[in-house]
Protein backbone atom coordinates (compact mmCIF):
# COMPACT_ATOMS: atom_id res chain seq x y z
CA MET A 1 19.97 -23.32 -13.69
CA ALA A 2 17.86 -26.47 -13.27
CA THR A 3 15.75 -24.71 -10.62
CA GLU A 4 15.24 -21.74 -12.90
CA VAL A 5 14.14 -23.93 -15.78
CA ARG A 6 11.78 -25.87 -13.55
CA GLU A 7 10.22 -22.68 -12.23
CA LYS A 8 9.66 -21.38 -15.77
CA ASN A 9 8.03 -24.66 -16.76
CA GLU A 10 5.74 -24.57 -13.73
CA ILE A 11 4.73 -21.05 -14.52
CA SER A 12 3.96 -21.97 -18.10
CA GLU A 13 1.81 -24.86 -17.01
CA ASN A 14 -0.05 -22.82 -14.45
CA GLU A 15 -0.62 -19.94 -16.81
CA SER A 16 -2.08 -22.04 -19.58
CA SER A 17 -5.53 -21.55 -18.05
CA PHE A 18 -7.49 -18.33 -17.78
CA LEU A 19 -7.39 -18.09 -13.99
CA GLY A 20 -3.69 -18.90 -13.71
CA THR A 21 -2.65 -16.31 -16.22
CA PHE A 22 -5.01 -13.68 -14.83
CA VAL A 23 -3.74 -14.03 -11.24
CA SER A 24 -0.09 -13.96 -12.33
CA THR A 25 -0.70 -10.86 -14.34
CA TYR A 26 -0.93 -8.67 -11.23
CA SER A 27 2.79 -9.04 -10.69
CA THR A 28 3.57 -7.30 -13.94
CA ILE A 29 1.23 -4.32 -13.94
CA PRO A 30 2.99 -1.16 -12.73
CA LEU A 31 -0.02 0.43 -11.03
CA HIS A 32 -1.16 -2.79 -9.31
CA GLY A 33 2.19 -4.47 -8.68
CA ILE A 34 3.96 -1.45 -7.24
CA THR A 35 1.55 1.22 -6.08
CA ALA A 36 -2.01 -0.04 -5.84
CA ILE A 37 -2.50 -3.59 -4.67
CA PRO A 38 -0.31 -4.60 -1.76
CA GLY A 39 3.26 -5.50 -2.65
CA LYS A 40 5.50 -6.92 -0.01
CA ILE A 41 5.88 -3.88 2.29
CA ALA A 42 2.58 -2.19 1.45
CA GLY A 43 0.53 -5.33 1.97
CA SER A 44 2.18 -6.13 5.30
CA LEU A 45 1.54 -2.52 6.42
CA LEU A 46 -2.14 -3.01 5.59
CA VAL A 47 -2.28 -6.01 7.89
CA ALA A 48 -0.43 -4.24 10.71
CA SER A 49 -2.65 -1.11 10.47
CA ALA A 50 -5.79 -3.27 10.46
CA ILE A 51 -4.85 -4.65 13.90
CA GLU A 52 -5.49 -1.91 16.45
CA ASP A 53 -2.80 -2.89 18.97
CA ALA A 54 -0.13 -3.92 16.47
CA VAL A 55 2.78 -1.84 15.18
CA PRO A 56 4.95 -2.60 12.12
CA LEU A 57 8.74 -2.39 12.19
CA ILE A 58 10.34 -2.07 8.77
CA HIS A 59 13.78 -3.65 8.76
CA GLY A 60 15.44 -1.70 5.97
CA PRO A 61 16.55 1.75 4.83
CA VAL A 62 14.46 4.74 5.86
CA GLY A 63 13.19 5.15 2.28
CA CYS A 64 11.28 1.91 2.58
CA ALA A 65 9.35 3.32 5.53
CA PHE A 66 8.73 6.68 3.87
CA GLN A 67 7.55 5.39 0.52
CA ARG A 68 3.99 4.77 1.71
CA LYS A 69 3.77 8.25 3.10
CA ILE A 70 4.31 9.83 -0.30
CA ASN A 71 2.24 7.23 -2.13
CA PRO A 72 -0.52 5.99 0.20
CA PHE A 73 -3.46 3.87 -0.83
CA ARG A 74 -5.76 6.55 0.47
CA PRO A 75 -4.78 10.22 1.04
CA TYR A 76 -6.33 10.13 4.51
CA SER A 77 -4.43 6.99 5.58
CA PRO A 78 -0.71 7.35 4.82
CA PHE A 79 0.48 4.79 7.44
CA TYR A 80 1.50 7.32 10.10
CA THR A 81 3.31 4.82 12.32
CA THR A 82 6.14 3.20 10.41
CA PRO A 83 9.20 2.78 12.66
CA CYS A 84 12.26 1.62 10.76
CA THR A 85 15.71 0.18 11.62
CA ASN A 86 17.31 2.58 9.13
CA LEU A 87 19.84 0.26 7.55
CA ASN A 88 22.95 1.82 5.98
CA ASP A 89 25.92 0.67 3.90
CA VAL A 90 27.82 -0.60 6.95
CA ASP A 91 24.85 -2.73 8.03
CA VAL A 92 24.61 -4.29 4.56
CA VAL A 93 28.28 -5.29 4.77
CA TYR A 94 28.42 -6.50 8.38
CA GLY A 95 24.87 -7.57 9.04
CA ALA A 96 21.98 -5.92 10.89
CA GLU A 97 20.68 -8.48 13.39
CA GLU A 98 21.83 -6.33 16.32
CA LYS A 99 20.12 -3.27 14.83
CA LEU A 100 16.93 -5.28 14.36
CA SER A 101 16.97 -6.41 18.00
CA GLN A 102 17.51 -2.83 19.10
CA GLY A 103 14.69 -1.66 16.84
CA ILE A 104 12.28 -4.18 18.34
CA VAL A 105 13.07 -3.02 21.90
CA GLU A 106 12.78 0.70 20.98
CA THR A 107 9.49 0.09 19.13
CA TYR A 108 8.06 -1.72 22.16
CA ARG A 109 9.16 0.97 24.66
CA ARG A 110 7.68 3.78 22.54
CA TYR A 111 4.36 2.24 21.43
CA ARG A 112 3.69 -0.57 23.93
CA PRO A 113 1.88 -2.71 21.32
CA ASN A 114 0.65 -6.27 21.80
CA LEU A 115 2.19 -7.27 18.49
CA ILE A 116 5.20 -6.08 16.52
CA LEU A 117 5.16 -7.13 12.86
CA VAL A 118 8.71 -7.00 11.48
CA ILE A 119 8.60 -6.37 7.77
CA THR A 120 11.88 -7.25 6.01
CA THR A 121 13.06 -5.47 2.88
CA CYS A 122 15.33 -6.25 -0.04
CA PRO A 123 18.58 -5.25 1.72
CA SER A 124 17.85 -7.22 4.89
CA ASP A 125 16.76 -10.25 2.82
CA LEU A 126 19.90 -10.14 0.67
CA ILE A 127 22.40 -9.95 3.55
CA GLY A 128 20.79 -13.00 5.18
CA ASP A 129 19.95 -11.70 8.64
CA ASP A 130 18.75 -14.38 11.12
CA PHE A 131 15.41 -12.85 12.03
CA ASP A 132 14.54 -15.64 14.47
CA ALA A 133 17.74 -15.08 16.41
CA ALA A 134 17.29 -11.29 16.49
CA ILE A 135 13.81 -11.70 17.98
CA ARG A 136 14.93 -14.37 20.52
CA ASN A 137 17.72 -12.09 21.74
CA VAL A 138 15.17 -9.56 23.10
CA GLU A 139 12.28 -11.79 24.16
CA GLU A 140 12.83 -10.95 27.85
CA GLU A 141 12.89 -7.20 27.16
CA VAL A 142 9.74 -7.10 25.09
CA ASN A 143 6.39 -7.94 26.65
CA CYS A 144 4.54 -8.60 23.41
CA LYS A 145 4.51 -11.03 20.51
CA VAL A 146 6.97 -10.38 17.64
CA VAL A 147 6.56 -12.05 14.25
CA TYR A 148 8.31 -11.30 10.95
CA SER A 149 7.14 -11.33 7.34
CA THR A 150 9.69 -11.86 4.53
CA GLY A 151 7.45 -12.16 1.50
CA ASP A 152 8.80 -15.69 0.91
CA PHE A 153 6.28 -17.68 2.92
CA VAL A 154 3.52 -17.81 0.37
CA GLY A 155 5.36 -18.22 -2.94
CA ARG A 156 3.24 -16.92 -5.87
CA SER A 157 0.09 -16.22 -3.82
CA ARG A 158 -1.23 -12.76 -4.53
CA PRO A 159 -1.24 -10.13 -3.17
CA ILE A 160 2.10 -11.10 -1.62
CA GLY A 161 2.48 -8.69 1.29
CA TYR A 162 -1.02 -9.18 2.56
CA GLN A 163 -0.90 -12.97 2.17
CA ASP A 164 2.59 -13.23 3.65
CA ALA A 165 1.92 -11.15 6.76
CA LEU A 166 -1.21 -13.18 7.63
CA TYR A 167 0.66 -16.39 7.00
CA ALA A 168 3.47 -15.28 9.31
CA ILE A 169 1.00 -14.37 12.08
CA THR A 170 -0.77 -17.72 11.68
CA ASP A 171 2.49 -19.71 11.57
CA GLN A 172 4.49 -17.92 14.28
CA MET A 173 1.69 -16.89 16.63
CA LEU A 174 -1.72 -18.59 16.16
CA CYS A 175 -0.85 -22.17 15.24
CA ASN A 176 2.49 -22.83 16.96
CA GLY A 177 1.06 -24.84 19.83
CA ASN A 178 1.73 -22.25 22.51
CA LYS A 179 -1.88 -21.25 23.23
CA GLU A 180 -4.86 -23.50 23.85
CA VAL A 181 -8.31 -22.28 22.75
CA GLU A 182 -11.74 -23.55 23.55
CA LYS A 183 -13.84 -24.29 20.45
CA ASN A 184 -16.91 -22.16 19.68
CA GLU A 185 -18.92 -24.96 18.14
CA GLY A 186 -21.04 -24.14 15.14
CA SER A 187 -19.34 -20.82 14.40
CA VAL A 188 -17.48 -19.21 11.50
CA ASN A 189 -14.93 -16.49 11.01
CA ILE A 190 -15.53 -13.92 8.24
CA VAL A 191 -12.22 -12.51 7.07
CA THR A 192 -12.18 -9.86 4.37
CA PHE A 193 -9.47 -7.65 2.87
CA PRO A 194 -8.73 -4.68 5.26
CA ILE A 195 -9.58 -1.97 2.79
CA HIS A 196 -12.97 -3.47 2.00
CA GLY A 197 -14.68 -2.11 5.14
CA ALA A 198 -15.38 -5.42 6.81
CA GLY A 199 -17.81 -4.16 9.48
CA VAL A 200 -20.25 -2.68 6.91
CA LYS A 201 -19.64 -5.31 4.26
CA VAL A 202 -20.47 -8.35 6.39
CA ALA A 203 -23.41 -7.02 8.44
CA GLU A 204 -26.02 -8.64 6.19
CA MET A 205 -23.96 -11.85 5.94
CA THR A 206 -23.77 -12.04 9.70
CA SER A 207 -27.58 -11.53 9.98
CA VAL A 208 -28.36 -14.22 7.37
CA LEU A 209 -25.99 -16.75 8.93
CA GLY A 210 -27.49 -16.03 12.34
CA ASP A 211 -30.98 -16.81 11.03
CA MET A 212 -29.57 -20.13 9.75
CA GLY A 213 -28.28 -21.04 13.21
CA ILE A 214 -24.67 -20.34 12.36
CA LYS A 215 -22.76 -18.19 14.83
CA VAL A 216 -20.11 -15.67 13.78
CA ASN A 217 -17.01 -16.17 15.94
CA LYS A 218 -14.91 -13.24 14.65
CA VAL A 219 -15.07 -10.67 11.85
CA CYS A 220 -11.70 -9.46 10.57
CA PHE A 221 -10.76 -6.81 9.99
CA ASP A 222 -13.23 -4.72 11.98
CA HIS A 223 -11.63 -3.10 15.02
CA THR A 224 -9.55 -6.22 15.30
CA ARG A 225 -7.13 -6.66 18.19
CA VAL A 226 -4.46 -9.30 18.89
CA GLU A 227 -6.73 -11.12 21.29
CA ASP A 228 -9.27 -11.49 18.48
CA LEU A 229 -6.67 -13.11 16.28
CA TYR A 230 -5.95 -15.74 18.93
CA GLU A 231 -9.68 -16.61 18.96
CA LEU A 232 -9.80 -17.34 15.20
CA ASN A 233 -8.86 -20.92 16.04
CA ARG A 234 -12.15 -21.37 17.98
CA ALA A 235 -14.29 -21.40 14.84
CA ASP A 236 -15.19 -24.42 12.63
CA LEU A 237 -14.85 -22.50 9.39
CA ASN A 238 -12.95 -19.56 7.92
CA ILE A 239 -14.83 -17.63 5.20
CA THR A 240 -12.51 -15.54 3.00
CA ASP A 241 -12.84 -13.44 -0.14
CA TYR A 242 -10.47 -15.56 -2.22
CA PRO A 243 -7.74 -18.22 -1.82
CA MET A 244 -5.71 -17.47 1.29
CA SER A 245 -2.49 -19.31 2.29
CA TRP A 246 -2.96 -18.60 5.98
CA ALA A 247 -6.42 -20.25 5.97
CA LYS A 248 -4.99 -23.41 4.39
CA LEU A 249 -2.25 -23.45 7.09
CA MET A 250 -4.81 -23.07 9.86
CA LYS A 251 -6.75 -25.98 8.41
CA GLU A 252 -3.60 -28.15 8.46
CA ARG A 253 -2.56 -27.14 11.99
CA SER A 254 -5.86 -26.49 13.78
CA GLY A 255 -8.50 -28.26 11.73
CA VAL A 256 -10.47 -25.09 10.91
CA GLU A 257 -12.13 -25.58 7.52
CA HIS A 258 -11.87 -22.99 4.74
CA TYR A 259 -14.39 -21.62 2.27
CA GLU A 260 -13.68 -19.04 -0.48
CA ILE A 261 -16.64 -17.03 -1.74
CA LEU A 262 -15.01 -16.64 -5.16
CA GLY A 263 -15.62 -20.02 -6.76
CA TRP A 264 -12.36 -20.28 -8.70
CA ASP A 265 -11.85 -23.97 -7.92
CA GLN A 266 -15.45 -24.77 -8.80
CA TYR A 267 -15.09 -22.83 -12.05
CA ASP A 268 -12.00 -24.81 -13.02
CA LYS A 269 -13.96 -28.03 -12.51
CA ASN A 270 -17.28 -27.04 -14.08
CA LYS A 271 -16.46 -24.08 -16.37
CA ASP A 272 -19.66 -22.41 -15.24
CA PRO A 273 -19.08 -18.59 -15.42
CA GLU A 274 -21.74 -17.97 -12.79
CA LEU A 275 -19.44 -19.55 -10.23
CA LEU A 276 -16.99 -16.67 -10.67
CA SER A 277 -19.51 -14.16 -9.17
CA PRO A 278 -20.71 -14.49 -5.57
CA TYR A 279 -22.83 -11.37 -5.92
CA GLY A 280 -26.44 -10.69 -6.80
CA ILE A 281 -29.53 -12.74 -5.89
CA ALA A 282 -28.40 -16.02 -7.39
CA GLY A 283 -24.72 -15.71 -6.40
CA SER A 284 -25.50 -14.89 -2.80
CA SER A 285 -28.00 -17.68 -2.57
CA ARG A 286 -25.35 -20.14 -3.74
CA VAL A 287 -22.73 -18.84 -1.31
CA PHE A 288 -25.07 -19.02 1.69
CA MET A 289 -26.11 -22.58 0.77
CA ASP A 290 -22.52 -23.66 0.32
CA ILE A 291 -21.71 -22.37 3.84
CA ALA A 292 -24.84 -24.03 5.25
CA LYS A 293 -23.81 -27.38 3.78
CA LEU A 294 -20.33 -27.13 5.27
CA MET A 295 -21.90 -26.35 8.67
CA GLY A 296 -24.67 -28.97 8.47
CA LYS A 297 -27.48 -26.43 8.37
CA GLU A 298 -29.04 -27.05 4.94
CA GLY A 299 -32.59 -27.56 6.11
CA MET A 300 -32.80 -24.30 8.06
CA ALA A 301 -30.86 -22.43 5.35
CA GLU A 302 -33.28 -23.23 2.57
CA GLU A 303 -36.15 -21.43 4.30
CA VAL A 304 -34.00 -18.44 5.33
CA ILE A 305 -32.58 -17.99 1.84
CA ARG A 306 -36.00 -18.33 0.24
CA ASN A 307 -37.51 -15.67 2.50
CA ARG A 308 -34.60 -13.23 2.11
CA ARG A 309 -34.55 -13.73 -1.59
CA ARG A 310 -38.33 -13.14 -1.90
CA GLU A 311 -38.09 -9.90 0.10
CA ALA A 312 -35.27 -8.56 -2.10
CA GLU A 313 -36.97 -9.52 -5.34
CA GLU A 314 -40.19 -7.85 -4.22
CA ARG A 315 -38.37 -4.58 -3.59
CA LEU A 316 -36.48 -4.90 -6.91
CA SER A 317 -39.67 -5.46 -8.84
CA VAL A 318 -40.81 -1.99 -7.80
CA LEU A 319 -37.49 -0.18 -8.05
CA LYS A 320 -36.35 -1.50 -11.38
CA LYS A 321 -39.47 -0.32 -13.27
CA ASP A 322 -37.67 2.96 -13.83
CA LEU A 323 -34.72 1.11 -15.45
CA GLU A 324 -36.73 -0.83 -18.00
CA GLY A 325 -35.27 -0.33 -21.48
CA ILE A 326 -32.14 1.38 -20.13
CA LYS A 327 -29.07 0.27 -22.09
CA VAL A 328 -25.73 -0.11 -20.33
CA ALA A 329 -22.16 -0.54 -21.63
CA ALA A 330 -20.23 -2.75 -19.18
CA THR A 331 -16.65 -3.99 -18.87
CA GLY A 332 -16.11 -7.68 -19.54
CA GLY A 333 -13.63 -9.75 -17.55
CA MET A 334 -13.03 -10.25 -13.83
CA HIS A 335 -13.42 -6.59 -12.83
CA GLY A 336 -16.55 -4.51 -12.98
CA LEU A 337 -20.04 -4.86 -11.52
CA GLY A 338 -20.69 -8.29 -12.98
CA LEU A 339 -23.51 -9.34 -15.34
CA SER A 340 -25.43 -11.06 -12.51
CA LEU A 341 -25.98 -7.74 -10.75
CA LEU A 342 -26.99 -6.02 -13.95
CA LYS A 343 -29.46 -8.81 -14.62
CA ASP A 344 -30.96 -8.37 -11.15
CA VAL A 345 -31.59 -4.61 -11.59
CA GLY A 346 -33.31 -5.13 -15.00
CA VAL A 347 -31.09 -3.09 -17.36
CA GLU A 348 -30.12 -4.19 -20.84
CA VAL A 349 -26.38 -4.76 -21.46
CA SER A 350 -25.87 -3.43 -25.00
CA ILE A 351 -22.05 -3.42 -25.17
CA LEU A 352 -19.33 -5.51 -23.44
CA ILE A 353 -15.89 -3.84 -23.49
CA TYR A 354 -12.75 -5.84 -23.03
CA ARG A 355 -9.57 -3.88 -22.38
CA MET A 356 -6.61 -6.27 -22.63
CA GLN A 357 -3.86 -3.86 -23.64
CA VAL A 358 -2.03 -4.11 -20.33
CA LEU A 359 -2.88 -7.78 -19.67
CA GLU A 360 -1.91 -9.11 -23.04
CA HIS A 361 1.81 -9.25 -22.13
CA ARG A 362 1.03 -12.01 -19.67
CA LEU A 363 -2.27 -13.55 -20.73
CA THR A 364 -2.11 -16.23 -23.37
CA GLU A 365 -4.30 -15.92 -26.45
CA GLU A 366 -6.31 -18.87 -25.13
CA ALA A 367 -6.85 -17.13 -21.82
CA ILE A 368 -8.05 -13.94 -23.54
CA GLU A 369 -10.44 -15.92 -25.65
CA GLU A 370 -11.73 -17.68 -22.57
CA ILE A 371 -12.40 -14.35 -20.83
CA VAL A 372 -14.44 -13.14 -23.82
CA ASP A 373 -16.23 -16.41 -24.30
CA LEU A 374 -17.26 -16.88 -20.69
CA ASN A 375 -18.67 -13.33 -20.50
CA MET A 376 -20.56 -13.70 -23.80
CA ASN A 377 -21.91 -17.10 -22.76
CA LEU A 378 -23.05 -15.62 -19.44
CA ALA A 379 -24.65 -12.66 -21.28
CA ASN A 380 -26.58 -15.03 -23.50
CA LYS A 381 -27.70 -17.02 -20.45
CA TYR A 382 -29.07 -13.81 -18.95
CA GLU A 383 -30.77 -13.00 -22.29
CA PHE A 384 -28.48 -10.10 -23.08
CA ASP A 385 -27.31 -9.54 -26.63
CA PRO A 386 -24.27 -7.26 -26.26
CA GLU A 387 -21.85 -6.10 -28.90
CA PRO A 388 -18.33 -7.16 -27.84
CA LEU A 389 -15.54 -4.57 -28.23
CA VAL A 390 -12.04 -5.97 -27.72
CA ASN A 391 -9.33 -3.35 -27.17
CA PRO A 392 -11.30 -0.52 -28.78
CA THR A 393 -10.06 3.07 -29.01
CA ILE A 394 -12.13 5.63 -27.07
CA GLU A 395 -13.45 6.87 -30.43
CA GLU A 396 -14.67 3.38 -31.31
CA GLU A 397 -16.30 3.03 -27.95
CA ILE A 398 -18.14 6.35 -28.17
CA GLU A 399 -19.25 5.57 -31.75
CA ALA A 400 -20.65 2.19 -30.59
CA VAL A 401 -22.38 3.79 -27.57
CA LYS A 402 -24.11 6.40 -29.75
CA ARG A 403 -24.96 3.90 -32.50
CA SER A 404 -26.61 1.51 -30.07
CA GLY A 405 -28.45 4.14 -28.11
CA THR A 406 -26.69 3.23 -24.90
CA ASP A 407 -27.74 5.36 -21.94
CA LEU A 408 -25.03 4.71 -19.47
CA VAL A 409 -21.35 3.55 -19.54
CA ILE A 410 -19.94 1.81 -16.48
CA ALA A 411 -16.55 3.48 -16.34
CA PRO A 412 -14.16 4.38 -13.49
CA SER A 413 -13.62 8.01 -12.57
CA THR A 414 -10.16 7.91 -14.30
CA THR A 415 -11.82 7.66 -17.74
CA SER A 416 -15.34 9.01 -17.15
CA HIS A 417 -14.46 12.42 -18.52
CA LEU A 418 -13.81 10.93 -21.95
CA TYR A 419 -17.47 9.95 -22.15
CA ASN A 420 -18.89 12.94 -20.22
CA ARG A 421 -17.48 15.38 -22.73
CA GLU A 422 -19.53 13.65 -25.39
CA GLY A 423 -22.69 13.94 -23.32
CA ILE A 424 -22.61 10.33 -22.16
CA ARG A 425 -23.42 9.52 -18.50
CA THR A 426 -21.12 7.23 -16.54
CA PHE A 427 -21.36 5.14 -13.37
CA ASP A 428 -18.24 4.50 -11.27
CA PRO A 429 -17.88 0.77 -10.50
CA THR A 430 -14.88 1.32 -8.19
CA GLY A 431 -16.86 3.41 -5.70
CA PHE A 432 -19.64 0.83 -5.83
CA MET A 433 -17.25 -2.01 -5.24
CA LEU A 434 -15.56 -0.36 -2.23
CA ASN A 435 -18.75 0.87 -0.55
CA HIS A 436 -21.55 -1.44 -1.59
CA GLN A 437 -20.59 -4.59 -3.41
CA ARG A 438 -20.85 -7.61 -1.10
CA VAL A 439 -22.49 -11.00 -0.67
CA GLY A 440 -26.10 -10.41 0.29
CA PHE A 441 -29.51 -9.69 -1.12
CA GLU A 442 -29.44 -5.94 -0.39
CA CYS A 443 -26.55 -5.32 -2.81
CA PRO A 444 -28.62 -5.37 -6.06
CA VAL A 445 -31.26 -3.22 -4.35
CA GLU A 446 -28.63 -0.57 -3.56
CA LEU A 447 -27.26 -0.75 -7.11
CA CYS A 448 -30.69 -0.25 -8.53
CA MET A 449 -31.17 2.93 -6.46
CA LEU A 450 -27.71 4.24 -7.37
CA LEU A 451 -28.26 3.69 -11.09
CA LYS A 452 -31.57 5.50 -10.92
CA GLU A 453 -29.90 8.36 -9.07
CA THR A 454 -27.15 8.56 -11.72
CA LEU A 455 -29.60 8.62 -14.61
CA GLY A 456 -31.58 11.38 -12.85
CA THR A 457 -28.65 13.77 -12.37
CA ALA A 458 -27.44 16.35 -14.83
CA GLN A 459 -24.84 15.18 -17.34
CA LYS A 460 -21.26 16.00 -16.24
CA ARG A 461 -18.59 17.65 -18.28
CA THR A 462 -14.94 18.00 -17.32
CA PRO A 463 -13.35 20.43 -19.75
CA LEU A 464 -10.05 20.72 -17.83
CA LEU A 465 -9.32 16.98 -18.06
CA SER A 466 -10.54 16.96 -21.63
CA MET A 467 -7.72 19.37 -22.61
CA LEU A 468 -5.07 16.72 -21.95
CA GLU A 469 -3.75 14.45 -24.65
CA TYR A 470 -4.34 10.73 -24.04
CA ASP A 471 -2.80 7.60 -25.46
CA PRO A 472 -5.04 6.00 -28.14
CA HIS A 473 -4.64 2.52 -26.56
CA ALA A 474 -4.24 3.10 -22.84
CA TYR A 475 -6.52 6.11 -22.88
CA ASN A 476 -6.56 6.62 -19.16
CA MET A 477 -2.92 7.69 -19.46
CA THR A 478 -1.06 10.49 -21.24
CA PRO A 479 1.26 9.27 -24.04
CA HIS A 480 4.38 9.57 -21.84
CA TRP A 481 2.94 7.46 -19.01
CA ALA A 482 1.55 4.96 -21.48
CA LYS A 483 5.08 4.44 -22.84
CA LEU A 484 6.42 4.01 -19.31
CA SER A 485 3.74 1.46 -18.62
CA LEU A 486 4.43 -0.44 -21.80
CA ALA A 487 8.19 -0.51 -21.19
CA PHE A 488 7.73 -1.59 -17.60
CA ASN A 489 5.40 -4.43 -18.51
CA GLN A 490 7.81 -5.69 -21.18
CA LEU A 491 10.68 -5.68 -18.71
CA ARG A 492 8.72 -7.44 -16.01
CA SER A 493 7.25 -10.08 -18.30
CA GLY A 494 10.48 -10.98 -20.01
CA ALA A 495 9.33 -9.55 -23.30
CA ILE A 496 12.68 -7.86 -24.01
CA ASP A 497 14.66 -11.02 -23.17
CA ASP A 498 12.87 -13.15 -25.74
CA GLY A 499 12.53 -10.39 -28.34
CA ARG A 500 8.79 -9.91 -28.07
CA VAL A 501 7.16 -6.49 -28.43
CA CYS A 502 3.60 -5.38 -28.28
CA GLU A 503 1.91 -6.09 -31.58
CA ASP A 504 -0.12 -2.88 -31.36
CA ARG A 505 3.02 -0.71 -31.14
CA LYS A 506 6.14 -0.24 -33.25
CA PRO A 507 9.40 -0.94 -31.39
CA SER A 508 10.35 2.75 -31.74
CA GLU A 509 7.23 3.68 -29.78
CA VAL A 510 8.60 1.87 -26.73
CA ILE A 511 11.37 4.48 -26.37
CA ILE A 512 10.92 6.47 -23.17
CA ASP A 513 10.95 10.20 -23.88
CA GLU A 514 11.84 12.83 -21.38
CA PRO A 515 8.69 14.12 -19.68
CA ASN A 516 7.27 17.43 -20.80
CA ILE A 517 7.27 19.88 -17.92
């Protein structure tokens, strides 16, 4: 009981700030927590699939291995190779260490990998299997490294499965003192999330760093093999997208420094909203200079950044002439293109839309106010004068778009049809984020060209999707799914335990109806 109370108090303290509450929110959103961003099993599978000569072994019931096949992140990548120990009722009662040992041997004999990543599940965690012992029992039969990820190594670090698997590899394989490496002086590792397309995303960063005299030791995950992982220790610095537990462990054990391109720590100290975006001309310049300072290359970096920046700005000055006077409605908050990129391409941000309906079960009122304030302050800094819309209905959004003469709404494909049917053009930020958004000076140039292309195409209409009925609050969902989402969020956030309900809904509206077939 004392532990439980302490944990609740710690969560309350951590979630009093904007960043703390925002990060913790991901554990309570159905789409993100269960199906989209990597949970325990899904995140570990992402890591295993990103290492070419690694194979996962799921220690649990067969359903745990099959779940990602019926609900993959991408239809063309359903995690084809997911061997499983196939736990049953008897194993839960008597233990499954022997079955795990057998599964490791069979996985090695069939696939001959250089790494087997054992991914534990709820049943195997609850029965208390000794994973270390199960692995040691078959060390002589398996000619590859075997590590295990339980989801417990990284605590509240998100996303759990991805963080935990990398921490397990670092702890059990890379930094356990069994393998000496020769340092590659003056080099860095660039490690990005596997689904972000590392090879394409970091090409410009690699080029800029090279001009500064900084070598790139390894890029992960881009055709990464186990031998590449062992060489991560050779670098002087790990560059990651956001806070990573494995990078902190490597710093403690191997002395490899760590830099996060998302300036969350700096924002907490300075409250400068520009520090939250590493993208665009200014953001990229800051990131490259930060890295140069850590590597002792400030003098050379200044000239390289100045030249690269000038080249990009000269190209933009020509391209963005066609976007002068174009009004854009953007999404405020942590997601979306970011105001810095929109400033670079020369559009006018006329509306900032804040959709907090799902987040409000976890975000404090102070955190929501901070999100709105930091975006509005940043907009004013960039000489934008947007109209803020907090939790608007789709009708309110469309009315504001038409009233302000807005030309383009930045909206994901899941909601774009709601605007298209009214004759309003949309631009998909998700596609841009996955395929183009990155640190570098070419990113705003590409955005400028894509926006011009969008404005030059015929307006889209999707009458089939428009025939569906949508929830007035969560208007990317039908009413039935919106109720499921609301109920799930209340259960996960403890709203039912302490009697809280969504202020925007009546308690009766939380009742889950049978789906209409």
